Amino acid sequence: MDEKKEKRMDEMTKRLFVGIKITKALQDELDSPAPGTKQYFEGNGNDYLQIVDLKEEKFIGRYLKDGFPVNNLGDVSRNVCSILKLITRGRRIEENDVHIYSC
């Protein structure tokens, strides 16, 4: 397979991920989450957040399904913030801290 075709196929398999970069401070809070919240980022399913590695950085958030409505992006962003606030015992997380990544 030629290099161009291989790159296009790789780009096609990428999904959109809505999340926040895990800083040292956030990692410390994830290492000792609020009681009863560990399931929110260690569980499986659509109601949970996932931790992903992108190059040398880690992010926490959720993947979007193909064909996800643009109008609902704000809802996903607010949901990621809300769950992170629960996990981190009220850490201040702003919606503008949440970004969209291709991974």
N, C-alpha and C. Protein backbone atom coordinates (compact mmCIF):
# COMPACT_ATOMS: atom_id res chain seq x y z
N MET A 1 0.85 -1.17 0.00
CA MET A 1 0.00 0.00 0.00
C MET A 1 0.90 1.24 0.00
N ASP A 2 0.54 2.21 -0.83
CA ASP A 2 1.40 3.39 -0.89
C ASP A 2 1.19 4.27 0.36
N GLU A 3 2.17 5.12 0.62
CA GLU A 3 2.19 5.93 1.84
C GLU A 3 0.99 6.86 1.95
N LYS A 4 0.57 7.48 0.82
CA LYS A 4 -0.57 8.41 0.85
C LYS A 4 -1.84 7.68 1.25
N LYS A 5 -2.07 6.53 0.64
CA LYS A 5 -3.28 5.77 0.92
C LYS A 5 -3.29 5.31 2.38
N GLU A 6 -2.13 4.88 2.88
CA GLU A 6 -2.03 4.44 4.27
C GLU A 6 -2.33 5.58 5.22
N LYS A 7 -1.84 6.78 4.93
CA LYS A 7 -2.09 7.94 5.78
C LYS A 7 -3.58 8.29 5.77
N ARG A 8 -4.21 8.25 4.60
CA ARG A 8 -5.65 8.55 4.53
C ARG A 8 -6.45 7.56 5.35
N MET A 9 -6.09 6.28 5.30
CA MET A 9 -6.82 5.28 6.07
C MET A 9 -6.63 5.52 7.56
N ASP A 10 -5.42 5.91 7.96
CA ASP A 10 -5.15 6.20 9.35
C ASP A 10 -5.99 7.39 9.81
N GLU A 11 -6.10 8.42 8.98
CA GLU A 11 -6.89 9.60 9.33
C GLU A 11 -8.37 9.25 9.43
N MET A 12 -8.82 8.32 8.62
CA MET A 12 -10.23 7.93 8.64
C MET A 12 -10.59 7.19 9.92
N THR A 13 -9.64 6.51 10.54
CA THR A 13 -9.94 5.74 11.74
C THR A 13 -9.89 6.60 13.00
N LYS A 14 -9.46 7.83 12.91
CA LYS A 14 -9.40 8.70 14.08
C LYS A 14 -10.81 9.12 14.49
N ARG A 15 -10.98 9.31 15.79
CA ARG A 15 -12.27 9.75 16.32
C ARG A 15 -12.07 11.07 17.05
N LEU A 16 -13.15 11.79 17.24
CA LEU A 16 -13.09 13.04 17.98
C LEU A 16 -13.25 12.76 19.47
N PHE A 17 -12.42 13.43 20.24
CA PHE A 17 -12.39 13.25 21.69
C PHE A 17 -12.56 14.61 22.34
N VAL A 18 -13.49 14.73 23.25
CA VAL A 18 -13.74 15.98 23.97
C VAL A 18 -13.18 15.80 25.38
N GLY A 19 -12.17 16.61 25.72
CA GLY A 19 -11.58 16.42 27.03
C GLY A 19 -10.64 17.53 27.45
N ILE A 20 -9.96 17.27 28.54
CA ILE A 20 -9.06 18.23 29.15
C ILE A 20 -7.70 17.57 29.36
N LYS A 21 -6.65 18.33 29.17
CA LYS A 21 -5.29 17.83 29.38
C LYS A 21 -5.08 17.55 30.87
N ILE A 22 -4.44 16.41 31.15
CA ILE A 22 -4.16 16.05 32.53
C ILE A 22 -2.83 16.66 32.94
N THR A 23 -2.91 17.65 33.80
CA THR A 23 -1.72 18.29 34.34
C THR A 23 -1.25 17.47 35.55
N LYS A 24 -0.10 17.83 36.09
CA LYS A 24 0.41 17.16 37.30
C LYS A 24 -0.60 17.30 38.44
N ALA A 25 -1.14 18.50 38.62
CA ALA A 25 -2.10 18.74 39.70
C ALA A 25 -3.37 17.90 39.50
N LEU A 26 -3.87 17.84 38.27
CA LEU A 26 -5.07 17.05 38.00
C LEU A 26 -4.76 15.56 38.19
N GLN A 27 -3.58 15.11 37.77
CA GLN A 27 -3.21 13.71 37.96
C GLN A 27 -3.19 13.35 39.44
N ASP A 28 -2.68 14.25 40.26
CA ASP A 28 -2.67 14.02 41.71
C ASP A 28 -4.09 13.82 42.24
N GLU A 29 -5.01 14.62 41.73
CA GLU A 29 -6.42 14.50 42.16
C GLU A 29 -7.05 13.23 41.62
N LEU A 30 -6.68 12.81 40.44
CA LEU A 30 -7.20 11.55 39.89
C LEU A 30 -6.64 10.35 40.64
N ASP A 31 -5.44 10.49 41.18
CA ASP A 31 -4.83 9.42 41.96
C ASP A 31 -5.52 9.21 43.31
N SER A 32 -6.17 10.25 43.81
CA SER A 32 -6.94 10.13 45.06
C SER A 32 -8.28 10.83 44.87
N PRO A 33 -9.17 10.21 44.07
CA PRO A 33 -10.45 10.85 43.76
C PRO A 33 -11.39 10.89 44.96
N ALA A 34 -12.42 11.70 44.84
CA ALA A 34 -13.44 11.76 45.87
C ALA A 34 -14.04 10.36 46.05
N PRO A 35 -14.42 10.01 47.28
CA PRO A 35 -15.00 8.68 47.52
C PRO A 35 -16.17 8.38 46.59
N GLY A 36 -16.14 7.18 46.02
CA GLY A 36 -17.24 6.73 45.17
C GLY A 36 -17.22 7.25 43.75
N THR A 37 -16.16 7.95 43.35
CA THR A 37 -16.14 8.52 41.99
C THR A 37 -15.16 7.86 41.04
N LYS A 38 -14.36 6.93 41.54
CA LYS A 38 -13.35 6.30 40.70
C LYS A 38 -13.97 5.62 39.47
N GLN A 39 -15.20 5.13 39.63
CA GLN A 39 -15.88 4.46 38.52
C GLN A 39 -16.11 5.39 37.33
N TYR A 40 -16.15 6.70 37.58
CA TYR A 40 -16.44 7.64 36.50
C TYR A 40 -15.31 7.75 35.47
N PHE A 41 -14.12 7.28 35.81
CA PHE A 41 -13.05 7.30 34.82
C PHE A 41 -12.32 5.97 34.70
N GLU A 42 -12.75 4.99 35.47
CA GLU A 42 -12.17 3.66 35.33
C GLU A 42 -13.19 2.65 34.81
N GLY A 43 -14.44 3.05 34.72
CA GLY A 43 -15.48 2.16 34.23
C GLY A 43 -15.57 2.17 32.71
N ASN A 44 -16.43 1.34 32.20
CA ASN A 44 -16.66 1.28 30.75
C ASN A 44 -18.07 1.75 30.45
N GLY A 45 -18.26 2.32 29.30
CA GLY A 45 -19.59 2.74 28.91
C GLY A 45 -19.65 4.21 28.57
N ASN A 46 -20.77 4.61 28.04
CA ASN A 46 -20.96 5.99 27.57
C ASN A 46 -21.06 7.00 28.70
N ASP A 47 -21.38 6.55 29.91
CA ASP A 47 -21.55 7.47 31.03
C ASP A 47 -20.24 7.79 31.73
N TYR A 48 -19.16 7.19 31.29
CA TYR A 48 -17.88 7.35 31.95
C TYR A 48 -16.89 8.13 31.10
N LEU A 49 -15.90 8.71 31.76
CA LEU A 49 -14.81 9.39 31.07
C LEU A 49 -13.71 8.37 30.80
N GLN A 50 -12.89 8.68 29.82
CA GLN A 50 -11.76 7.83 29.49
C GLN A 50 -10.49 8.65 29.55
N ILE A 51 -9.41 7.98 29.89
CA ILE A 51 -8.09 8.61 29.85
C ILE A 51 -7.39 8.09 28.61
N VAL A 52 -6.91 9.02 27.77
CA VAL A 52 -6.23 8.63 26.54
C VAL A 52 -4.85 9.30 26.49
N ASP A 53 -3.94 8.63 25.80
CA ASP A 53 -2.60 9.16 25.57
C ASP A 53 -2.56 9.72 24.16
N LEU A 54 -2.12 10.96 24.03
CA LEU A 54 -1.91 11.59 22.74
C LEU A 54 -0.47 12.10 22.72
N LYS A 55 0.34 11.43 21.95
CA LYS A 55 1.77 11.74 21.92
C LYS A 55 2.32 11.59 23.33
N GLU A 56 2.90 12.61 23.93
CA GLU A 56 3.45 12.48 25.28
C GLU A 56 2.52 13.01 26.37
N GLU A 57 1.30 13.35 26.02
CA GLU A 57 0.37 13.94 26.98
C GLU A 57 -0.82 13.02 27.20
N LYS A 58 -1.47 13.21 28.36
CA LYS A 58 -2.66 12.43 28.69
C LYS A 58 -3.85 13.38 28.81
N PHE A 59 -5.01 12.88 28.41
CA PHE A 59 -6.24 13.66 28.45
C PHE A 59 -7.34 12.82 29.07
N ILE A 60 -8.30 13.49 29.69
CA ILE A 60 -9.46 12.81 30.22
C ILE A 60 -10.70 13.45 29.61
N GLY A 61 -11.63 12.61 29.17
CA GLY A 61 -12.84 13.10 28.53
C GLY A 61 -13.61 11.96 27.93
N ARG A 62 -14.28 12.24 26.81
CA ARG A 62 -15.04 11.17 26.15
C ARG A 62 -14.99 11.31 24.64
N TYR A 63 -15.10 10.17 24.00
CA TYR A 63 -15.14 10.13 22.54
C TYR A 63 -16.55 10.47 22.07
N LEU A 64 -16.62 11.09 20.90
CA LEU A 64 -17.90 11.36 20.26
C LEU A 64 -18.19 10.26 19.25
N LYS A 65 -19.45 9.93 19.13
CA LYS A 65 -19.86 8.96 18.11
C LYS A 65 -19.83 9.63 16.75
N ASP A 66 -19.59 8.86 15.70
CA ASP A 66 -19.65 9.40 14.35
C ASP A 66 -21.02 10.01 14.11
N GLY A 67 -21.03 11.15 13.46
CA GLY A 67 -22.29 11.84 13.16
C GLY A 67 -22.88 12.56 14.36
N PHE A 68 -22.06 12.84 15.36
CA PHE A 68 -22.54 13.52 16.57
C PHE A 68 -23.03 14.92 16.21
N PRO A 69 -24.22 15.33 16.67
CA PRO A 69 -24.76 16.66 16.34
C PRO A 69 -23.92 17.80 16.95
N VAL A 70 -23.56 18.75 16.14
CA VAL A 70 -22.77 19.90 16.59
C VAL A 70 -23.48 20.64 17.72
N ASN A 71 -24.79 20.73 17.65
CA ASN A 71 -25.55 21.44 18.68
C ASN A 71 -25.34 20.86 20.07
N ASN A 72 -24.93 19.60 20.16
CA ASN A 72 -24.78 18.93 21.45
C ASN A 72 -23.37 19.01 22.02
N LEU A 73 -22.44 19.65 21.33
CA LEU A 73 -21.06 19.75 21.81
C LEU A 73 -20.97 20.44 23.17
N GLY A 74 -21.74 21.48 23.35
CA GLY A 74 -21.74 22.19 24.63
C GLY A 74 -22.19 21.29 25.77
N ASP A 75 -23.17 20.42 25.50
CA ASP A 75 -23.64 19.49 26.52
C ASP A 75 -22.52 18.53 26.95
N VAL A 76 -21.76 18.03 25.97
CA VAL A 76 -20.67 17.11 26.28
C VAL A 76 -19.59 17.83 27.09
N SER A 77 -19.27 19.04 26.70
CA SER A 77 -18.27 19.83 27.41
C SER A 77 -18.69 20.05 28.86
N ARG A 78 -19.93 20.45 29.06
CA ARG A 78 -20.44 20.68 30.42
C ARG A 78 -20.45 19.38 31.23
N ASN A 79 -20.78 18.26 30.57
CA ASN A 79 -20.81 16.97 31.25
C ASN A 79 -19.41 16.55 31.69
N VAL A 80 -18.41 16.74 30.83
CA VAL A 80 -17.03 16.42 31.19
C VAL A 80 -16.61 17.27 32.40
N CYS A 81 -16.90 18.56 32.36
CA CYS A 81 -16.57 19.46 33.48
C CYS A 81 -17.26 19.00 34.77
N SER A 82 -18.53 18.68 34.66
CA SER A 82 -19.32 18.28 35.82
C SER A 82 -18.76 17.02 36.47
N ILE A 83 -18.46 16.01 35.67
CA ILE A 83 -17.92 14.76 36.22
C ILE A 83 -16.54 14.99 36.83
N LEU A 84 -15.71 15.79 36.16
CA LEU A 84 -14.38 16.08 36.73
C LEU A 84 -14.49 16.82 38.05
N LYS A 85 -15.45 17.72 38.17
CA LYS A 85 -15.64 18.43 39.44
C LYS A 85 -16.03 17.47 40.56
N LEU A 86 -16.84 16.47 40.24
CA LEU A 86 -17.20 15.46 41.23
C LEU A 86 -15.97 14.66 41.67
N ILE A 87 -15.21 14.22 40.69
CA ILE A 87 -14.03 13.38 40.95
C ILE A 87 -12.99 14.14 41.78
N THR A 88 -12.82 15.42 41.47
CA THR A 88 -11.74 16.21 42.09
C THR A 88 -12.21 17.06 43.27
N ARG A 89 -13.38 16.75 43.78
CA ARG A 89 -13.91 17.45 44.96
C ARG A 89 -14.09 18.95 44.72
N GLY A 90 -14.61 19.29 43.55
CA GLY A 90 -14.96 20.68 43.28
C GLY A 90 -13.90 21.53 42.62
N ARG A 91 -12.85 20.91 42.08
CA ARG A 91 -11.80 21.66 41.37
C ARG A 91 -12.45 22.58 40.35
N ARG A 92 -11.94 23.77 40.22
CA ARG A 92 -12.49 24.73 39.26
C ARG A 92 -12.06 24.32 37.85
N ILE A 93 -13.03 23.94 37.05
CA ILE A 93 -12.79 23.54 35.67
C ILE A 93 -13.77 24.34 34.81
N GLU A 94 -13.22 25.12 33.93
CA GLU A 94 -14.04 25.96 33.06
C GLU A 94 -14.32 25.25 31.74
N GLU A 95 -15.43 25.58 31.13
CA GLU A 95 -15.75 24.97 29.83
C GLU A 95 -14.68 25.27 28.80
N ASN A 96 -14.03 26.42 28.89
CA ASN A 96 -13.01 26.73 27.89
C ASN A 96 -11.70 25.96 28.13
N ASP A 97 -11.64 25.17 29.23
CA ASP A 97 -10.52 24.26 29.46
C ASP A 97 -10.68 22.98 28.65
N VAL A 98 -11.90 22.71 28.20
CA VAL A 98 -12.21 21.50 27.46
C VAL A 98 -12.03 21.76 25.97
N HIS A 99 -11.32 20.84 25.30
CA HIS A 99 -11.03 20.98 23.87
C HIS A 99 -11.42 19.71 23.12
N ILE A 100 -11.43 19.81 21.80
CA ILE A 100 -11.70 18.67 20.92
C ILE A 100 -10.40 18.23 20.30
N TYR A 101 -10.13 16.93 20.37
CA TYR A 101 -8.91 16.36 19.82
C TYR A 101 -9.27 15.26 18.85
N SER A 102 -8.42 15.02 17.89
CA SER A 102 -8.58 13.92 16.95
C SER A 102 -7.59 12.84 17.35
N CYS A 103 -8.11 11.69 17.71
CA CYS A 103 -7.21 10.60 18.11
C CYS A 103 -7.78 9.25 17.73
